[in-house]
All heavy atoms as atom14 arrays in JSON, in Angstrom:
{
  "sequence": "FSLYGSSKAALDGIVRNLAVELAPRVRINSVLPG",
  "atom14_mask": [
    [1, 1, 1, 1, 1, 1, 1, 1, 1, 1, 1, 0, 0, 0],
    [1, 1, 1, 1, 1, 1, 0, 0, 0, 0, 0, 0, 0, 0],
    [1, 1, 1, 1, 1, 1, 1, 1, 0, 0, 0, 0, 0, 0],
    [1, 1, 1, 1, 1, 1, 1, 1, 1, 1, 1, 1, 0, 0],
    [1, 1, 1, 1, 0, 0, 0, 0, 0, 0, 0, 0, 0, 0],
    [1, 1, 1, 1, 1, 1, 0, 0, 0, 0, 0, 0, 0, 0],
    [1, 1, 1, 1, 1, 1, 0, 0, 0, 0, 0, 0, 0, 0],
    [1, 1, 1, 1, 1, 1, 1, 1, 1, 0, 0, 0, 0, 0],
    [1, 1, 1, 1, 1, 0, 0, 0, 0, 0, 0, 0, 0, 0],
    [1, 1, 1, 1, 1, 0, 0, 0, 0, 0, 0, 0, 0, 0],
    [1, 1, 1, 1, 1, 1, 1, 1, 0, 0, 0, 0, 0, 0],
    [1, 1, 1, 1, 1, 1, 1, 1, 0, 0, 0, 0, 0, 0],
    [1, 1, 1, 1, 0, 0, 0, 0, 0, 0, 0, 0, 0, 0],
    [1, 1, 1, 1, 1, 1, 1, 1, 0, 0, 0, 0, 0, 0],
    [1, 1, 1, 1, 1, 1, 1, 0, 0, 0, 0, 0, 0, 0],
    [1, 1, 1, 1, 1, 1, 1, 1, 1, 1, 1, 0, 0, 0],
    [1, 1, 1, 1, 1, 1, 1, 1, 0, 0, 0, 0, 0, 0],
    [1, 1, 1, 1, 1, 1, 1, 1, 0, 0, 0, 0, 0, 0],
    [1, 1, 1, 1, 1, 0, 0, 0, 0, 0, 0, 0, 0, 0],
    [1, 1, 1, 1, 1, 1, 1, 0, 0, 0, 0, 0, 0, 0],
    [1, 1, 1, 1, 1, 1, 1, 1, 1, 0, 0, 0, 0, 0],
    [1, 1, 1, 1, 1, 1, 1, 1, 0, 0, 0, 0, 0, 0],
    [1, 1, 1, 1, 1, 0, 0, 0, 0, 0, 0, 0, 0, 0],
    [1, 1, 1, 1, 1, 1, 1, 0, 0, 0, 0, 0, 0, 0],
    [1, 1, 1, 1, 1, 1, 1, 1, 1, 1, 1, 0, 0, 0],
    [1, 1, 1, 1, 1, 1, 1, 0, 0, 0, 0, 0, 0, 0],
    [1, 1, 1, 1, 1, 1, 1, 1, 1, 1, 1, 0, 0, 0],
    [1, 1, 1, 1, 1, 1, 1, 1, 0, 0, 0, 0, 0, 0],
    [1, 1, 1, 1, 1, 1, 1, 1, 0, 0, 0, 0, 0, 0],
    [1, 1, 1, 1, 1, 1, 0, 0, 0, 0, 0, 0, 0, 0],
    [1, 1, 1, 1, 1, 1, 1, 0, 0, 0, 0, 0, 0, 0],
    [1, 1, 1, 1, 1, 1, 1, 1, 0, 0, 0, 0, 0, 0],
    [1, 1, 1, 1, 1, 1, 1, 0, 0, 0, 0, 0, 0, 0],
    [1, 1, 1, 1, 0, 0, 0, 0, 0, 0, 0, 0, 0, 0]
  ],
  "atom14_positions": [
    [[-3.82, -15.52, -11.08], [-3.87, -14.51, -9.99], [-3.71, -13.1, -10.47], [-3.35, -12.21, -9.7], [-2.8, -14.89, -8.96], [-3.14, -15.88, -7.94], [-2.85, -17.22, -8.17], [-3.83, -15.56, -6.82], [-3.17, -18.21, -7.25], [-4.22, -16.5, -5.9], [-3.88, -17.85, -6.08], [0.0, 0.0, 0.0], [0.0, 0.0, 0.0], [0.0, 0.0, 0.0]],
    [[-4.03, -12.86, -11.75], [-3.75, -11.51, -12.26], [-4.55, -10.46, -11.56], [-4.11, -9.34, -11.26], [-4.02, -11.43, -13.78], [-5.41, -11.71, -14.05], [0.0, 0.0, 0.0], [0.0, 0.0, 0.0], [0.0, 0.0, 0.0], [0.0, 0.0, 0.0], [0.0, 0.0, 0.0], [0.0, 0.0, 0.0], [0.0, 0.0, 0.0], [0.0, 0.0, 0.0]],
    [[-5.85, -10.75, -11.25], [-6.71, -9.79, -10.6], [-6.34, -9.62, -9.1], [-6.16, -8.51, -8.58], [-8.18, -10.1, -10.7], [-8.77, -10.02, -12.1], [-10.27, -10.22, -12.05], [-8.45, -8.69, -12.79], [0.0, 0.0, 0.0], [0.0, 0.0, 0.0], [0.0, 0.0, 0.0], [0.0, 0.0, 0.0], [0.0, 0.0, 0.0], [0.0, 0.0, 0.0]],
    [[-6.17, -10.72, -8.38], [-5.84, -10.67, -6.99], [-4.41, -10.01, -6.82], [-4.29, -9.09, -5.99], [-5.83, -12.05, -6.35], [-5.49, -12.08, -4.92], [-6.39, -11.61, -3.93], [-4.24, -12.54, -4.45], [-6.09, -11.6, -2.58], [-3.92, -12.56, -3.11], [-4.86, -12.1, -2.15], [-4.57, -12.11, -0.83], [0.0, 0.0, 0.0], [0.0, 0.0, 0.0]],
    [[-3.46, -10.46, -7.6], [-2.08, -9.96, -7.44], [-2.04, -8.49, -7.74], [-1.41, -7.71, -7.09], [0.0, 0.0, 0.0], [0.0, 0.0, 0.0], [0.0, 0.0, 0.0], [0.0, 0.0, 0.0], [0.0, 0.0, 0.0], [0.0, 0.0, 0.0], [0.0, 0.0, 0.0], [0.0, 0.0, 0.0], [0.0, 0.0, 0.0], [0.0, 0.0, 0.0]],
    [[-2.72, -8.03, -8.79], [-2.68, -6.6, -9.19], [-3.44, -5.77, -8.2], [-3.1, -4.6, -7.97], [-3.2, -6.42, -10.66], [-4.51, -6.9, -10.77], [0.0, 0.0, 0.0], [0.0, 0.0, 0.0], [0.0, 0.0, 0.0], [0.0, 0.0, 0.0], [0.0, 0.0, 0.0], [0.0, 0.0, 0.0], [0.0, 0.0, 0.0], [0.0, 0.0, 0.0]],
    [[-4.49, -6.3, -7.59], [-5.24, -5.53, -6.6], [-4.4, -5.35, -5.31], [-4.48, -4.28, -4.73], [-6.54, -6.26, -6.24], [-6.35, -7.43, -5.5], [0.0, 0.0, 0.0], [0.0, 0.0, 0.0], [0.0, 0.0, 0.0], [0.0, 0.0, 0.0], [0.0, 0.0, 0.0], [0.0, 0.0, 0.0], [0.0, 0.0, 0.0], [0.0, 0.0, 0.0]],
    [[-3.59, -6.29, -4.98], [-2.68, -6.18, -3.85], [-1.5, -5.2, -4.22], [-1.05, -4.45, -3.34], [-2.18, -7.49, -3.4], [-3.25, -8.39, -2.73], [-3.74, -7.76, -1.47], [-4.64, -8.7, -0.71], [-5.16, -8.17, 0.58], [0.0, 0.0, 0.0], [0.0, 0.0, 0.0], [0.0, 0.0, 0.0], [0.0, 0.0, 0.0], [0.0, 0.0, 0.0]],
    [[-1.07, -5.26, -5.44], [-0.07, -4.31, -5.87], [-0.6, -2.87, -5.82], [0.1, -1.92, -5.49], [0.39, -4.63, -7.28], [0.0, 0.0, 0.0], [0.0, 0.0, 0.0], [0.0, 0.0, 0.0], [0.0, 0.0, 0.0], [0.0, 0.0, 0.0], [0.0, 0.0, 0.0], [0.0, 0.0, 0.0], [0.0, 0.0, 0.0], [0.0, 0.0, 0.0]],
    [[-1.9, -2.73, -6.16], [-2.53, -1.41, -6.02], [-2.58, -0.97, -4.62], [-2.38, 0.19, -4.32], [-3.91, -1.47, -6.69], [0.0, 0.0, 0.0], [0.0, 0.0, 0.0], [0.0, 0.0, 0.0], [0.0, 0.0, 0.0], [0.0, 0.0, 0.0], [0.0, 0.0, 0.0], [0.0, 0.0, 0.0], [0.0, 0.0, 0.0], [0.0, 0.0, 0.0]],
    [[-2.9, -1.9, -3.69], [-2.93, -1.57, -2.27], [-1.6, -1.08, -1.83], [-1.48, -0.08, -1.07], [-3.4, -2.77, -1.49], [-3.41, -2.68, 0.05], [-4.37, -1.54, 0.46], [-3.73, -3.97, 0.65], [0.0, 0.0, 0.0], [0.0, 0.0, 0.0], [0.0, 0.0, 0.0], [0.0, 0.0, 0.0], [0.0, 0.0, 0.0], [0.0, 0.0, 0.0]],
    [[-0.49, -1.75, -2.22], [0.86, -1.32, -1.82], [1.15, 0.07, -2.39], [1.82, 0.89, -1.77], [1.85, -2.33, -2.28], [1.79, -3.63, -1.47], [1.2, -3.58, -0.35], [2.29, -4.68, -1.94], [0.0, 0.0, 0.0], [0.0, 0.0, 0.0], [0.0, 0.0, 0.0], [0.0, 0.0, 0.0], [0.0, 0.0, 0.0], [0.0, 0.0, 0.0]],
    [[0.69, 0.32, -3.62], [0.87, 1.63, -4.21], [0.12, 2.72, -3.44], [0.66, 3.78, -3.24], [0.0, 0.0, 0.0], [0.0, 0.0, 0.0], [0.0, 0.0, 0.0], [0.0, 0.0, 0.0], [0.0, 0.0, 0.0], [0.0, 0.0, 0.0], [0.0, 0.0, 0.0], [0.0, 0.0, 0.0], [0.0, 0.0, 0.0], [0.0, 0.0, 0.0]],
    [[-1.05, 2.45, -2.96], [-1.79, 3.35, -2.1], [-1.0, 3.62, -0.86], [-0.91, 4.79, -0.42], [-3.19, 2.78, -1.8], [-4.07, 2.78, -3.04], [-3.86, 3.51, -0.66], [-5.33, 1.97, -2.91], [0.0, 0.0, 0.0], [0.0, 0.0, 0.0], [0.0, 0.0, 0.0], [0.0, 0.0, 0.0], [0.0, 0.0, 0.0], [0.0, 0.0, 0.0]],
    [[-0.43, 2.56, -0.24], [0.32, 2.75, 0.99], [1.51, 3.71, 0.78], [1.71, 4.62, 1.53], [0.84, 1.38, 1.45], [1.9, 1.53, 2.55], [-0.36, 0.55, 2.02], [0.0, 0.0, 0.0], [0.0, 0.0, 0.0], [0.0, 0.0, 0.0], [0.0, 0.0, 0.0], [0.0, 0.0, 0.0], [0.0, 0.0, 0.0], [0.0, 0.0, 0.0]],
    [[2.22, 3.49, -0.3], [3.41, 4.35, -0.51], [3.03, 5.81, -0.77], [3.69, 6.72, -0.22], [4.23, 3.77, -1.69], [4.96, 2.46, -1.42], [5.9, 2.11, -2.58], [5.18, 1.72, -3.77], [4.76, 0.48, -4.09], [5.07, -0.45, -3.21], [4.16, 0.23, -5.16], [0.0, 0.0, 0.0], [0.0, 0.0, 0.0], [0.0, 0.0, 0.0]],
    [[2.02, 5.98, -1.57], [1.68, 7.41, -1.89], [1.02, 8.14, -0.76], [1.29, 9.3, -0.5], [0.8, 7.37, -3.12], [1.58, 7.1, -4.42], [2.18, 7.99, -4.95], [1.56, 5.81, -4.84], [0.0, 0.0, 0.0], [0.0, 0.0, 0.0], [0.0, 0.0, 0.0], [0.0, 0.0, 0.0], [0.0, 0.0, 0.0], [0.0, 0.0, 0.0]],
    [[0.09, 7.47, -0.04], [-0.55, 8.1, 1.1], [0.43, 8.33, 2.26], [0.3, 9.29, 3.05], [-1.77, 7.28, 1.61], [-2.94, 7.26, 0.65], [-4.09, 6.49, 1.31], [-3.41, 8.68, 0.27], [0.0, 0.0, 0.0], [0.0, 0.0, 0.0], [0.0, 0.0, 0.0], [0.0, 0.0, 0.0], [0.0, 0.0, 0.0], [0.0, 0.0, 0.0]],
    [[1.43, 7.44, 2.4], [2.44, 7.61, 3.38], [3.14, 8.92, 3.28], [3.44, 9.67, 4.21], [3.46, 6.46, 3.38], [0.0, 0.0, 0.0], [0.0, 0.0, 0.0], [0.0, 0.0, 0.0], [0.0, 0.0, 0.0], [0.0, 0.0, 0.0], [0.0, 0.0, 0.0], [0.0, 0.0, 0.0], [0.0, 0.0, 0.0], [0.0, 0.0, 0.0]],
    [[3.42, 9.34, 1.94], [4.1, 10.61, 1.68], [3.14, 11.72, 1.89], [3.43, 12.75, 2.57], [4.58, 10.6, 0.25], [5.14, 11.98, -0.11], [5.66, 9.55, 0.08], [0.0, 0.0, 0.0], [0.0, 0.0, 0.0], [0.0, 0.0, 0.0], [0.0, 0.0, 0.0], [0.0, 0.0, 0.0], [0.0, 0.0, 0.0], [0.0, 0.0, 0.0]],
    [[1.89, 11.58, 1.43], [0.9, 12.66, 1.43], [0.5, 12.99, 2.88], [0.24, 14.17, 3.22], [-0.33, 12.29, 0.67], [-1.44, 13.36, 0.61], [-2.56, 12.97, -0.28], [-2.37, 12.12, -1.21], [-3.63, 13.57, -0.15], [0.0, 0.0, 0.0], [0.0, 0.0, 0.0], [0.0, 0.0, 0.0], [0.0, 0.0, 0.0], [0.0, 0.0, 0.0]],
    [[0.38, 11.99, 3.78], [-0.13, 12.19, 5.1], [0.97, 12.38, 6.21], [0.64, 12.62, 7.36], [-1.02, 11.01, 5.5], [-2.25, 10.77, 4.6], [-3.02, 9.54, 5.05], [-3.16, 12.03, 4.58], [0.0, 0.0, 0.0], [0.0, 0.0, 0.0], [0.0, 0.0, 0.0], [0.0, 0.0, 0.0], [0.0, 0.0, 0.0], [0.0, 0.0, 0.0]],
    [[2.21, 12.22, 5.81], [3.26, 12.43, 6.81], [3.41, 13.87, 7.14], [3.12, 14.76, 6.33], [4.63, 11.94, 6.2], [0.0, 0.0, 0.0], [0.0, 0.0, 0.0], [0.0, 0.0, 0.0], [0.0, 0.0, 0.0], [0.0, 0.0, 0.0], [0.0, 0.0, 0.0], [0.0, 0.0, 0.0], [0.0, 0.0, 0.0], [0.0, 0.0, 0.0]],
    [[3.8, 14.23, 8.36], [4.25, 13.3, 9.43], [3.09, 12.93, 10.37], [3.31, 12.21, 11.4], [5.28, 14.14, 10.22], [4.73, 15.56, 10.07], [4.12, 15.63, 8.74], [0.0, 0.0, 0.0], [0.0, 0.0, 0.0], [0.0, 0.0, 0.0], [0.0, 0.0, 0.0], [0.0, 0.0, 0.0], [0.0, 0.0, 0.0], [0.0, 0.0, 0.0]],
    [[1.87, 13.33, 10.04], [0.72, 13.12, 10.96], [0.34, 11.65, 11.05], [0.01, 11.14, 12.09], [-0.44, 13.95, 10.51], [-1.77, 13.77, 11.3], [-2.89, 14.62, 10.69], [-4.13, 14.14, 11.18], [-5.34, 14.35, 10.54], [-5.32, 15.03, 9.36], [-6.42, 13.92, 10.99], [0.0, 0.0, 0.0], [0.0, 0.0, 0.0], [0.0, 0.0, 0.0]],
    [[0.36, 10.94, 9.9], [-0.12, 9.59, 9.84], [0.94, 8.65, 9.22], [1.61, 9.07, 8.24], [-1.44, 9.46, 9.05], [-1.85, 8.01, 8.94], [-2.49, 10.31, 9.62], [0.0, 0.0, 0.0], [0.0, 0.0, 0.0], [0.0, 0.0, 0.0], [0.0, 0.0, 0.0], [0.0, 0.0, 0.0], [0.0, 0.0, 0.0], [0.0, 0.0, 0.0]],
    [[1.16, 7.47, 9.78], [2.06, 6.47, 9.16], [1.2, 5.33, 8.58], [0.24, 4.89, 9.21], [2.98, 5.92, 10.22], [3.96, 6.92, 10.77], [4.96, 6.36, 11.8], [4.27, 5.65, 12.85], [4.13, 4.31, 12.99], [4.56, 3.52, 12.04], [3.51, 3.78, 14.0], [0.0, 0.0, 0.0], [0.0, 0.0, 0.0], [0.0, 0.0, 0.0]],
    [[1.59, 4.9, 7.41], [0.88, 3.8, 6.75], [1.89, 2.81, 6.2], [2.84, 3.21, 5.47], [-0.05, 4.28, 5.62], [-1.0, 5.37, 6.09], [-0.85, 3.1, 5.01], [-1.89, 5.9, 5.02], [0.0, 0.0, 0.0], [0.0, 0.0, 0.0], [0.0, 0.0, 0.0], [0.0, 0.0, 0.0], [0.0, 0.0, 0.0], [0.0, 0.0, 0.0]],
    [[1.76, 1.53, 6.54], [2.65, 0.51, 6.04], [1.83, -0.72, 5.66], [0.66, -0.79, 6.01], [3.65, 0.08, 7.13], [4.57, 1.22, 7.48], [5.53, 1.48, 6.77], [4.34, 1.87, 8.64], [0.0, 0.0, 0.0], [0.0, 0.0, 0.0], [0.0, 0.0, 0.0], [0.0, 0.0, 0.0], [0.0, 0.0, 0.0], [0.0, 0.0, 0.0]],
    [[2.44, -1.64, 4.92], [1.73, -2.88, 4.61], [2.62, -4.09, 4.97], [3.82, -4.01, 4.9], [1.3, -2.93, 3.14], [2.4, -2.74, 2.27], [0.0, 0.0, 0.0], [0.0, 0.0, 0.0], [0.0, 0.0, 0.0], [0.0, 0.0, 0.0], [0.0, 0.0, 0.0], [0.0, 0.0, 0.0], [0.0, 0.0, 0.0], [0.0, 0.0, 0.0]],
    [[1.93, -5.19, 5.29], [2.58, -6.47, 5.59], [2.17, -7.41, 4.46], [1.02, -7.49, 4.1], [2.15, -7.0, 6.98], [2.6, -8.42, 7.13], [2.75, -6.13, 8.04], [0.0, 0.0, 0.0], [0.0, 0.0, 0.0], [0.0, 0.0, 0.0], [0.0, 0.0, 0.0], [0.0, 0.0, 0.0], [0.0, 0.0, 0.0], [0.0, 0.0, 0.0]],
    [[3.18, -8.09, 3.93], [2.93, -8.98, 2.74], [3.16, -10.43, 3.2], [4.29, -10.94, 3.19], [3.89, -8.6, 1.63], [3.61, -7.4, 0.77], [3.49, -6.15, 1.6], [4.64, -7.22, -0.31], [0.0, 0.0, 0.0], [0.0, 0.0, 0.0], [0.0, 0.0, 0.0], [0.0, 0.0, 0.0], [0.0, 0.0, 0.0], [0.0, 0.0, 0.0]],
    [[2.1, -11.13, 3.59], [2.25, -12.54, 4.0], [2.41, -13.43, 2.78], [2.0, -13.1, 1.61], [0.92, -12.87, 4.68], [0.19, -11.53, 4.78], [0.72, -10.63, 3.76], [0.0, 0.0, 0.0], [0.0, 0.0, 0.0], [0.0, 0.0, 0.0], [0.0, 0.0, 0.0], [0.0, 0.0, 0.0], [0.0, 0.0, 0.0], [0.0, 0.0, 0.0]],
    [[3.01, -14.61, 3.04], [3.07, -15.69, 2.01], [1.89, -16.65, 2.24], [0.84, -16.23, 2.75], [0.0, 0.0, 0.0], [0.0, 0.0, 0.0], [0.0, 0.0, 0.0], [0.0, 0.0, 0.0], [0.0, 0.0, 0.0], [0.0, 0.0, 0.0], [0.0, 0.0, 0.0], [0.0, 0.0, 0.0], [0.0, 0.0, 0.0], [0.0, 0.0, 0.0]]
  ]
}
């Protein structure tokens, strides 16, 4: 799962960074299902 797992880790990184960049106008979060 190295590609799938790292791509989802990248997605979470995008969420964290854009959440800071776009605040307070836009909120971005992620849900991590099992």
